[in-house]
Full PDB file with SEQRES, HELIX, SHEET, SSBOND, CRYST1, ORIGX, SCALE, CONECT and MASTER records, all heavy atoms in Angstrom:
SEQRES   1 A   34  ALA ILE HIS TRP ARG LEU ALA PRO HIS GLU LYS GLU PHE          
SEQRES   2 A   34  ALA LEU ALA THR ALA HIS ALA ALA VAL GLU ALA LEU GLY          
SEQRES   3 A   34  SER ASP TYR ARG LEU GLN HIS GLY                              
HELIX    1 AA1 PRO A    8  GLU A   10  5                                   3    
HELIX    2 AA2 LYS A   11  LEU A   25  1                                  15    
CRYST1    1.000    1.000    1.000  90.00  90.00  90.00 P 1           1          
ORIGX1      1.000000  0.000000  0.000000        0.00000                         
ORIGX2      0.000000  1.000000  0.000000        0.00000                         
ORIGX3      0.000000  0.000000  1.000000        0.00000                         
SCALE1      1.000000  0.000000  0.000000        0.00000                         
SCALE2      0.000000  1.000000  0.000000        0.00000                         
SCALE3      0.000000  0.000000  1.000000        0.00000                         
ATOM      1  N   ALA A   1     -10.538  -5.700  18.920  1.00  0.00           N  
ATOM      2  CA  ALA A   1     -10.832  -4.297  18.641  1.00  0.00           C  
ATOM      3  C   ALA A   1     -10.313  -3.405  19.767  1.00  0.00           C  
ATOM      4  O   ALA A   1     -10.397  -3.767  20.946  1.00  0.00           O  
ATOM      5  CB  ALA A   1     -12.334  -4.091  18.466  1.00  0.00           C  
ATOM      6  N   ILE A   2      -9.796  -2.247  19.387  1.00  0.00           N  
ATOM      7  CA  ILE A   2      -9.363  -1.226  20.335  1.00  0.00           C  
ATOM      8  C   ILE A   2     -10.330  -0.054  20.227  1.00  0.00           C  
ATOM      9  O   ILE A   2     -10.448   0.568  19.160  1.00  0.00           O  
ATOM     10  CB  ILE A   2      -7.928  -0.760  20.045  1.00  0.00           C  
ATOM     11  CG1 ILE A   2      -6.974  -1.947  20.032  1.00  0.00           C  
ATOM     12  CG2 ILE A   2      -7.488   0.281  21.076  1.00  0.00           C  
ATOM     13  CD1 ILE A   2      -5.544  -1.580  19.658  1.00  0.00           C  
ATOM     14  N   HIS A   3     -11.028   0.259  21.323  1.00  0.00           N  
ATOM     15  CA  HIS A   3     -12.018   1.335  21.356  1.00  0.00           C  
ATOM     16  C   HIS A   3     -11.472   2.532  22.142  1.00  0.00           C  
ATOM     17  O   HIS A   3     -10.843   2.349  23.183  1.00  0.00           O  
ATOM     18  CB  HIS A   3     -13.304   0.869  22.050  1.00  0.00           C  
ATOM     19  CG  HIS A   3     -14.024  -0.237  21.357  1.00  0.00           C  
ATOM     20  ND1 HIS A   3     -15.082  -0.012  20.503  1.00  0.00           N  
ATOM     21  CD2 HIS A   3     -13.845  -1.594  21.391  1.00  0.00           C  
ATOM     22  CE1 HIS A   3     -15.533  -1.169  20.051  1.00  0.00           C  
ATOM     23  NE2 HIS A   3     -14.802  -2.144  20.573  1.00  0.00           N  
ATOM     24  N   TRP A   4     -11.760   3.738  21.651  1.00  0.00           N  
ATOM     25  CA  TRP A   4     -11.373   4.938  22.405  1.00  0.00           C  
ATOM     26  C   TRP A   4     -12.513   5.950  22.487  1.00  0.00           C  
ATOM     27  O   TRP A   4     -12.304   7.112  22.748  1.00  0.00           O  
ATOM     28  CB  TRP A   4     -10.121   5.586  21.782  1.00  0.00           C  
ATOM     29  CG  TRP A   4     -10.288   6.038  20.347  1.00  0.00           C  
ATOM     30  CD1 TRP A   4     -10.750   7.242  19.902  1.00  0.00           C  
ATOM     31  CD2 TRP A   4      -9.992   5.265  19.175  1.00  0.00           C  
ATOM     32  NE1 TRP A   4     -10.770   7.282  18.528  1.00  0.00           N  
ATOM     33  CE2 TRP A   4     -10.294   6.088  18.058  1.00  0.00           C  
ATOM     34  CE3 TRP A   4      -9.501   3.984  18.940  1.00  0.00           C  
ATOM     35  CZ2 TRP A   4     -10.128   5.636  16.737  1.00  0.00           C  
ATOM     36  CZ3 TRP A   4      -9.341   3.553  17.645  1.00  0.00           C  
ATOM     37  CH2 TRP A   4      -9.643   4.369  16.566  1.00  0.00           C  
ATOM     38  N   ARG A   5     -13.746   5.493  22.347  1.00  0.00           N  
ATOM     39  CA  ARG A   5     -14.892   6.402  22.430  1.00  0.00           C  
ATOM     40  C   ARG A   5     -14.956   7.102  23.784  1.00  0.00           C  
ATOM     41  O   ARG A   5     -15.350   8.271  23.878  1.00  0.00           O  
ATOM     42  CB  ARG A   5     -16.190   5.638  22.169  1.00  0.00           C  
ATOM     43  CG  ARG A   5     -17.443   6.521  22.145  1.00  0.00           C  
ATOM     44  CD  ARG A   5     -18.663   5.723  21.713  1.00  0.00           C  
ATOM     45  NE  ARG A   5     -18.485   5.191  20.366  1.00  0.00           N  
ATOM     46  CZ  ARG A   5     -18.708   5.882  19.250  1.00  0.00           C  
ATOM     47  NH1 ARG A   5     -19.114   7.130  19.329  1.00  0.00           N  
ATOM     48  NH2 ARG A   5     -18.528   5.326  18.081  1.00  0.00           N  
ATOM     49  N   LEU A   6     -14.558   6.401  24.851  1.00  0.00           N  
ATOM     50  CA  LEU A   6     -14.573   6.979  26.193  1.00  0.00           C  
ATOM     51  C   LEU A   6     -13.356   7.858  26.461  1.00  0.00           C  
ATOM     52  O   LEU A   6     -13.306   8.547  27.480  1.00  0.00           O  
ATOM     53  CB  LEU A   6     -14.629   5.865  27.245  1.00  0.00           C  
ATOM     54  CG  LEU A   6     -15.944   5.074  27.322  1.00  0.00           C  
ATOM     55  CD1 LEU A   6     -15.771   3.852  28.213  1.00  0.00           C  
ATOM     56  CD2 LEU A   6     -17.067   5.959  27.837  1.00  0.00           C  
ATOM     57  N   ALA A   7     -12.379   7.823  25.558  1.00  0.00           N  
ATOM     58  CA  ALA A   7     -11.143   8.604  25.736  1.00  0.00           C  
ATOM     59  C   ALA A   7     -10.696   9.155  24.380  1.00  0.00           C  
ATOM     60  O   ALA A   7      -9.670   8.723  23.842  1.00  0.00           O  
ATOM     61  CB  ALA A   7     -10.056   7.737  26.357  1.00  0.00           C  
ATOM     62  N   PRO A   8     -11.454  10.091  23.816  1.00  0.00           N  
ATOM     63  CA  PRO A   8     -11.121  10.597  22.477  1.00  0.00           C  
ATOM     64  C   PRO A   8      -9.725  11.206  22.384  1.00  0.00           C  
ATOM     65  O   PRO A   8      -9.119  11.210  21.312  1.00  0.00           O  
ATOM     66  CB  PRO A   8     -12.212  11.637  22.203  1.00  0.00           C  
ATOM     67  CG  PRO A   8     -12.815  11.951  23.538  1.00  0.00           C  
ATOM     68  CD  PRO A   8     -12.673  10.723  24.357  1.00  0.00           C  
ATOM     69  N   HIS A   9      -9.197  11.697  23.513  1.00  0.00           N  
ATOM     70  CA  HIS A   9      -7.846  12.267  23.519  1.00  0.00           C  
ATOM     71  C   HIS A   9      -6.773  11.195  23.332  1.00  0.00           C  
ATOM     72  O   HIS A   9      -5.607  11.524  23.066  1.00  0.00           O  
ATOM     73  CB  HIS A   9      -7.602  13.016  24.833  1.00  0.00           C  
ATOM     74  CG  HIS A   9      -7.756  12.163  26.053  1.00  0.00           C  
ATOM     75  ND1 HIS A   9      -8.993  11.777  26.530  1.00  0.00           N  
ATOM     76  CD2 HIS A   9      -6.826  11.605  26.886  1.00  0.00           C  
ATOM     77  CE1 HIS A   9      -8.819  11.017  27.606  1.00  0.00           C  
ATOM     78  NE2 HIS A   9      -7.518  10.902  27.842  1.00  0.00           N  
ATOM     79  N   GLU A  10      -7.146   9.934  23.451  1.00  0.00           N  
ATOM     80  CA  GLU A  10      -6.196   8.837  23.276  1.00  0.00           C  
ATOM     81  C   GLU A  10      -6.257   8.229  21.871  1.00  0.00           C  
ATOM     82  O   GLU A  10      -5.688   7.166  21.625  1.00  0.00           O  
ATOM     83  CB  GLU A  10      -6.457   7.731  24.311  1.00  0.00           C  
ATOM     84  CG  GLU A  10      -6.289   8.149  25.751  1.00  0.00           C  
ATOM     85  CD  GLU A  10      -4.819   8.343  26.148  1.00  0.00           C  
ATOM     86  OE1 GLU A  10      -3.935   8.291  25.262  1.00  0.00           O  
ATOM     87  OE2 GLU A  10      -4.569   8.541  27.347  1.00  0.00           O  
ATOM     88  N   LYS A  11      -6.904   8.924  20.948  1.00  0.00           N  
ATOM     89  CA  LYS A  11      -7.066   8.383  19.598  1.00  0.00           C  
ATOM     90  C   LYS A  11      -5.730   8.030  18.953  1.00  0.00           C  
ATOM     91  O   LYS A  11      -5.558   6.927  18.413  1.00  0.00           O  
ATOM     92  CB  LYS A  11      -7.827   9.377  18.721  1.00  0.00           C  
ATOM     93  CG  LYS A  11      -7.953   8.940  17.270  1.00  0.00           C  
ATOM     94  CD  LYS A  11      -8.686   9.978  16.432  1.00  0.00           C  
ATOM     95  CE  LYS A  11      -8.759   9.554  14.970  1.00  0.00           C  
ATOM     96  NZ  LYS A  11      -9.475  10.557  14.131  1.00  0.00           N  
ATOM     97  N   GLU A  12      -4.782   8.954  18.974  1.00  0.00           N  
ATOM     98  CA  GLU A  12      -3.502   8.708  18.308  1.00  0.00           C  
ATOM     99  C   GLU A  12      -2.763   7.540  18.943  1.00  0.00           C  
ATOM    100  O   GLU A  12      -2.147   6.713  18.251  1.00  0.00           O  
ATOM    101  CB  GLU A  12      -2.647   9.974  18.325  1.00  0.00           C  
ATOM    102  CG  GLU A  12      -3.240  11.135  17.540  1.00  0.00           C  
ATOM    103  CD  GLU A  12      -3.560  10.754  16.098  1.00  0.00           C  
ATOM    104  OE1 GLU A  12      -2.743  10.026  15.484  1.00  0.00           O  
ATOM    105  OE2 GLU A  12      -4.626  11.149  15.583  1.00  0.00           O  
ATOM    106  N   PHE A  13      -2.804   7.464  20.273  1.00  0.00           N  
ATOM    107  CA  PHE A  13      -2.189   6.329  20.965  1.00  0.00           C  
ATOM    108  C   PHE A  13      -2.834   5.015  20.537  1.00  0.00           C  
ATOM    109  O   PHE A  13      -2.144   4.031  20.218  1.00  0.00           O  
ATOM    110  CB  PHE A  13      -2.312   6.502  22.481  1.00  0.00           C  
ATOM    111  CG  PHE A  13      -2.083   5.230  23.254  1.00  0.00           C  
ATOM    112  CD1 PHE A  13      -0.795   4.786  23.507  1.00  0.00           C  
ATOM    113  CD2 PHE A  13      -3.159   4.472  23.714  1.00  0.00           C  
ATOM    114  CE1 PHE A  13      -0.582   3.604  24.208  1.00  0.00           C  
ATOM    115  CE2 PHE A  13      -2.954   3.298  24.413  1.00  0.00           C  
ATOM    116  CZ  PHE A  13      -1.658   2.858  24.666  1.00  0.00           C  
ATOM    117  N   ALA A  14      -4.179   4.992  20.514  1.00  0.00           N  
ATOM    118  CA  ALA A  14      -4.887   3.761  20.176  1.00  0.00           C  
ATOM    119  C   ALA A  14      -4.591   3.331  18.739  1.00  0.00           C  
ATOM    120  O   ALA A  14      -4.351   2.148  18.469  1.00  0.00           O  
ATOM    121  CB  ALA A  14      -6.385   3.954  20.374  1.00  0.00           C  
ATOM    122  N   LEU A  15      -4.576   4.299  17.823  1.00  0.00           N  
ATOM    123  CA  LEU A  15      -4.296   3.970  16.425  1.00  0.00           C  
ATOM    124  C   LEU A  15      -2.865   3.478  16.244  1.00  0.00           C  
ATOM    125  O   LEU A  15      -2.620   2.503  15.518  1.00  0.00           O  
ATOM    126  CB  LEU A  15      -4.551   5.191  15.543  1.00  0.00           C  
ATOM    127  CG  LEU A  15      -6.014   5.518  15.251  1.00  0.00           C  
ATOM    128  CD1 LEU A  15      -6.128   6.852  14.524  1.00  0.00           C  
ATOM    129  CD2 LEU A  15      -6.658   4.407  14.422  1.00  0.00           C  
ATOM    130  N   ALA A  16      -1.923   4.150  16.895  1.00  0.00           N  
ATOM    131  CA  ALA A  16      -0.522   3.724  16.792  1.00  0.00           C  
ATOM    132  C   ALA A  16      -0.341   2.320  17.356  1.00  0.00           C  
ATOM    133  O   ALA A  16       0.399   1.492  16.786  1.00  0.00           O  
ATOM    134  CB  ALA A  16       0.374   4.716  17.518  1.00  0.00           C  
ATOM    135  N   THR A  17      -1.021   2.038  18.459  1.00  0.00           N  
ATOM    136  CA  THR A  17      -0.936   0.710  19.066  1.00  0.00           C  
ATOM    137  C   THR A  17      -1.508  -0.353  18.137  1.00  0.00           C  
ATOM    138  O   THR A  17      -0.923  -1.432  17.964  1.00  0.00           O  
ATOM    139  CB  THR A  17      -1.693   0.705  20.407  1.00  0.00           C  
ATOM    140  OG1 THR A  17      -1.111   1.673  21.287  1.00  0.00           O  
ATOM    141  CG2 THR A  17      -1.635  -0.666  21.056  1.00  0.00           C  
ATOM    142  N   ALA A  18      -2.648  -0.043  17.529  1.00  0.00           N  
ATOM    143  CA  ALA A  18      -3.279  -0.991  16.613  1.00  0.00           C  
ATOM    144  C   ALA A  18      -2.409  -1.235  15.385  1.00  0.00           C  
ATOM    145  O   ALA A  18      -2.226  -2.379  14.946  1.00  0.00           O  
ATOM    146  CB  ALA A  18      -4.657  -0.484  16.205  1.00  0.00           C  
ATOM    147  N   HIS A  19      -1.870  -0.167  14.807  1.00  0.00           N  
ATOM    148  CA  HIS A  19      -1.022  -0.304  13.620  1.00  0.00           C  
ATOM    149  C   HIS A  19       0.236  -1.118  13.927  1.00  0.00           C  
ATOM    150  O   HIS A  19       0.652  -1.961  13.119  1.00  0.00           O  
ATOM    151  CB  HIS A  19      -0.643   1.076  13.080  1.00  0.00           C  
ATOM    152  CG  HIS A  19      -1.701   1.700  12.233  1.00  0.00           C  
ATOM    153  ND1 HIS A  19      -1.926   1.317  10.931  1.00  0.00           N  
ATOM    154  CD2 HIS A  19      -2.595   2.677  12.502  1.00  0.00           C  
ATOM    155  CE1 HIS A  19      -2.919   2.037  10.426  1.00  0.00           C  
ATOM    156  NE2 HIS A  19      -3.351   2.864  11.359  1.00  0.00           N  
ATOM    157  N   ALA A  20       0.838  -0.884  15.089  1.00  0.00           N  
ATOM    158  CA  ALA A  20       2.036  -1.635  15.472  1.00  0.00           C  
ATOM    159  C   ALA A  20       1.716  -3.118  15.636  1.00  0.00           C  
ATOM    160  O   ALA A  20       2.494  -3.991  15.213  1.00  0.00           O  
ATOM    161  CB  ALA A  20       2.619  -1.070  16.761  1.00  0.00           C  
ATOM    162  N   ALA A  21       0.561  -3.411  16.211  1.00  0.00           N  
ATOM    163  CA  ALA A  21       0.176  -4.801  16.436  1.00  0.00           C  
ATOM    164  C   ALA A  21      -0.063  -5.528  15.111  1.00  0.00           C  
ATOM    165  O   ALA A  21       0.396  -6.664  14.925  1.00  0.00           O  
ATOM    166  CB  ALA A  21      -1.070  -4.871  17.308  1.00  0.00           C  
ATOM    167  N   VAL A  22      -0.771  -4.882  14.182  1.00  0.00           N  
ATOM    168  CA  VAL A  22      -1.071  -5.558  12.919  1.00  0.00           C  
ATOM    169  C   VAL A  22       0.180  -5.687  12.057  1.00  0.00           C  
ATOM    170  O   VAL A  22       0.353  -6.670  11.318  1.00  0.00           O  
ATOM    171  CB  VAL A  22      -2.219  -4.839  12.182  1.00  0.00           C  
ATOM    172  CG1 VAL A  22      -1.741  -3.606  11.433  1.00  0.00           C  
ATOM    173  CG2 VAL A  22      -2.931  -5.790  11.230  1.00  0.00           C  
ATOM    174  N   GLU A  23       1.093  -4.731  12.162  1.00  0.00           N  
ATOM    175  CA  GLU A  23       2.347  -4.833  11.422  1.00  0.00           C  
ATOM    176  C   GLU A  23       3.171  -6.019  11.932  1.00  0.00           C  
ATOM    177  O   GLU A  23       3.787  -6.752  11.139  1.00  0.00           O  
ATOM    178  CB  GLU A  23       3.144  -3.537  11.557  1.00  0.00           C  
ATOM    179  CG  GLU A  23       4.427  -3.522  10.740  1.00  0.00           C  
ATOM    180  CD  GLU A  23       5.140  -2.191  10.801  1.00  0.00           C  
ATOM    181  OE1 GLU A  23       4.519  -1.199  11.237  1.00  0.00           O  
ATOM    182  OE2 GLU A  23       6.324  -2.147  10.417  1.00  0.00           O  
ATOM    183  N   ALA A  24       3.171  -6.224  13.238  1.00  0.00           N  
ATOM    184  CA  ALA A  24       3.909  -7.343  13.813  1.00  0.00           C  
ATOM    185  C   ALA A  24       3.288  -8.687  13.425  1.00  0.00           C  
ATOM    186  O   ALA A  24       3.999  -9.692  13.285  1.00  0.00           O  
ATOM    187  CB  ALA A  24       3.944  -7.213  15.335  1.00  0.00           C  
ATOM    188  N   LEU A  25       1.978  -8.702  13.212  1.00  0.00           N  
ATOM    189  CA  LEU A  25       1.295  -9.940  12.851  1.00  0.00           C  
ATOM    190  C   LEU A  25       1.560 -10.349  11.406  1.00  0.00           C  
ATOM    191  O   LEU A  25       1.495 -11.534  11.069  1.00  0.00           O  
ATOM    192  CB  LEU A  25      -0.211  -9.796  13.083  1.00  0.00           C  
ATOM    193  CG  LEU A  25      -0.680  -9.863  14.534  1.00  0.00           C  
ATOM    194  CD1 LEU A  25      -2.105  -9.361  14.666  1.00  0.00           C  
ATOM    195  CD2 LEU A  25      -0.548 -11.281  15.073  1.00  0.00           C  
ATOM    196  N   GLY A  26       1.807  -9.392  10.530  1.00  0.00           N  
ATOM    197  CA  GLY A  26       2.109  -9.714   9.146  1.00  0.00           C  
ATOM    198  C   GLY A  26       0.879  -9.702   8.246  1.00  0.00           C  
ATOM    199  O   GLY A  26      -0.222  -9.329   8.648  1.00  0.00           O  
ATOM    200  N   SER A  27       1.061 -10.172   7.027  1.00  0.00           N  
ATOM    201  CA  SER A  27       0.066 -10.004   5.969  1.00  0.00           C  
ATOM    202  C   SER A  27      -1.191 -10.858   6.147  1.00  0.00           C  
ATOM    203  O   SER A  27      -2.171 -10.654   5.427  1.00  0.00           O  
ATOM    204  CB  SER A  27       0.689 -10.319   4.606  1.00  0.00           C  
ATOM    205  OG  SER A  27       1.161 -11.658   4.573  1.00  0.00           O  
ATOM    206  N   ASP A  28      -1.174 -11.808   7.062  1.00  0.00           N  
ATOM    207  CA  ASP A  28      -2.368 -12.622   7.296  1.00  0.00           C  
ATOM    208  C   ASP A  28      -3.456 -11.849   8.035  1.00  0.00           C  
ATOM    209  O   ASP A  28      -4.592 -12.335   8.151  1.00  0.00           O  
ATOM    210  CB  ASP A  28      -2.024 -13.870   8.107  1.00  0.00           C  
ATOM    211  CG  ASP A  28      -1.241 -14.890   7.290  1.00  0.00           C  
ATOM    212  OD1 ASP A  28      -1.273 -14.800   6.046  1.00  0.00           O  
ATOM    213  OD2 ASP A  28      -0.594 -15.761   7.897  1.00  0.00           O  
ATOM    214  N   TYR A  29      -3.117 -10.647   8.524  1.00  0.00           N  
ATOM    215  CA  TYR A  29      -4.069  -9.848   9.280  1.00  0.00           C  
ATOM    216  C   TYR A  29      -4.095  -8.422   8.728  1.00  0.00           C  
ATOM    217  O   TYR A  29      -3.141  -7.970   8.091  1.00  0.00           O  
ATOM    218  CB  TYR A  29      -3.705  -9.838  10.771  1.00  0.00           C  
ATOM    219  CG  TYR A  29      -3.819 -11.216  11.385  1.00  0.00           C  
ATOM    220  CD1 TYR A  29      -2.745 -12.103  11.336  1.00  0.00           C  
ATOM    221  CD2 TYR A  29      -4.999 -11.636  11.967  1.00  0.00           C  
ATOM    222  CE1 TYR A  29      -2.849 -13.385  11.853  1.00  0.00           C  
ATOM    223  CE2 TYR A  29      -5.114 -12.916  12.499  1.00  0.00           C  
ATOM    224  CZ  TYR A  29      -4.041 -13.786  12.432  1.00  0.00           C  
ATOM    225  OH  TYR A  29      -4.162 -15.052  12.932  1.00  0.00           O  
ATOM    226  N   ARG A  30      -5.199  -7.746   8.971  1.00  0.00           N  
ATOM    227  CA  ARG A  30      -5.344  -6.367   8.517  1.00  0.00           C  
ATOM    228  C   ARG A  30      -6.066  -5.552   9.580  1.00  0.00           C  
ATOM    229  O   ARG A  30      -6.644  -6.106  10.536  1.00  0.00           O  
ATOM    230  CB  ARG A  30      -6.107  -6.295   7.194  1.00  0.00           C  
ATOM    231  CG  ARG A  30      -7.572  -6.724   7.277  1.00  0.00           C  
ATOM    232  CD  ARG A  30      -8.249  -6.593   5.927  1.00  0.00           C  
ATOM    233  NE  ARG A  30      -9.647  -6.999   5.965  1.00  0.00           N  
ATOM    234  CZ  ARG A  30     -10.659  -6.201   6.295  1.00  0.00           C  
ATOM    235  NH1 ARG A  30     -10.415  -4.936   6.638  1.00  0.00           N  
ATOM    236  NH2 ARG A  30     -11.903  -6.627   6.300  1.00  0.00           N  
ATOM    237  N   LEU A  31      -6.066  -4.232   9.383  1.00  0.00           N  
ATOM    238  CA  LEU A  31      -6.721  -3.319  10.321  1.00  0.00           C  
ATOM    239  C   LEU A  31      -7.992  -2.782   9.680  1.00  0.00           C  
ATOM    240  O   LEU A  31      -7.987  -2.331   8.539  1.00  0.00           O  
ATOM    241  CB  LEU A  31      -5.778  -2.170  10.665  1.00  0.00           C  
ATOM    242  CG  LEU A  31      -6.062  -1.398  11.963  1.00  0.00           C  
ATOM    243  CD1 LEU A  31      -6.005  -2.324  13.164  1.00  0.00           C  
ATOM    244  CD2 LEU A  31      -5.060  -0.264  12.116  1.00  0.00           C  
ATOM    245  N   GLN A  32      -9.087  -2.858  10.426  1.00  0.00           N  
ATOM    246  CA  GLN A  32     -10.375  -2.334   9.977  1.00  0.00           C  
ATOM    247  C   GLN A  32     -10.746  -1.148  10.849  1.00  0.00           C  
ATOM    248  O   GLN A  32     -10.891  -1.278  12.068  1.00  0.00           O  
ATOM    249  CB  GLN A  32     -11.455  -3.407  10.099  1.00  0.00           C  
ATOM    250  CG  GLN A  32     -12.854  -2.943   9.748  1.00  0.00           C  
ATOM    251  CD  GLN A  32     -13.016  -2.722   8.273  1.00  0.00           C  
ATOM    252  OE1 GLN A  32     -12.966  -3.656   7.483  1.00  0.00           O  
ATOM    253  NE2 GLN A  32     -13.210  -1.470   7.877  1.00  0.00           N  
ATOM    254  N   HIS A  33     -10.903   0.033  10.230  1.00  0.00           N  
ATOM    255  CA  HIS A  33     -11.240   1.244  10.974  1.00  0.00           C  
ATOM    256  C   HIS A  33     -12.747   1.414  11.061  1.00  0.00           C  
ATOM    257  O   HIS A  33     -13.490   1.094  10.124  1.00  0.00           O  
ATOM    258  CB  HIS A  33     -10.616   2.469  10.299  1.00  0.00           C  
ATOM    259  CG  HIS A  33      -9.121   2.455  10.309  1.00  0.00           C  
ATOM    260  ND1 HIS A  33      -8.381   2.833  11.406  1.00  0.00           N  
ATOM    261  CD2 HIS A  33      -8.225   2.082   9.358  1.00  0.00           C  
ATOM    262  CE1 HIS A  33      -7.098   2.717  11.135  1.00  0.00           C  
ATOM    263  NE2 HIS A  33      -6.968   2.252   9.900  1.00  0.00           N  
ATOM    264  N   GLY A  34     -13.191   1.941  12.208  1.00  0.00           N  
ATOM    265  CA  GLY A  34     -14.598   2.241  12.407  1.00  0.00           C  
ATOM    266  C   GLY A  34     -14.751   3.508  13.219  1.00  0.00           C  
ATOM    267  O   GLY A  34     -13.838   4.335  13.282  1.00  0.00           O  
TER     268      GLY A  34                                                      
MASTER        0    0    0    2    0    0    0    6  267    1    0    3          
END                                                                             
């Protein structure tokens, strides 16, 4: 999990990083938002 509660201004960075990671992993993995 990637958390940005302590750095709300980094939301877009954190989401982009998470999306890039799951895309590289392929269809066996998915992203769960909270």
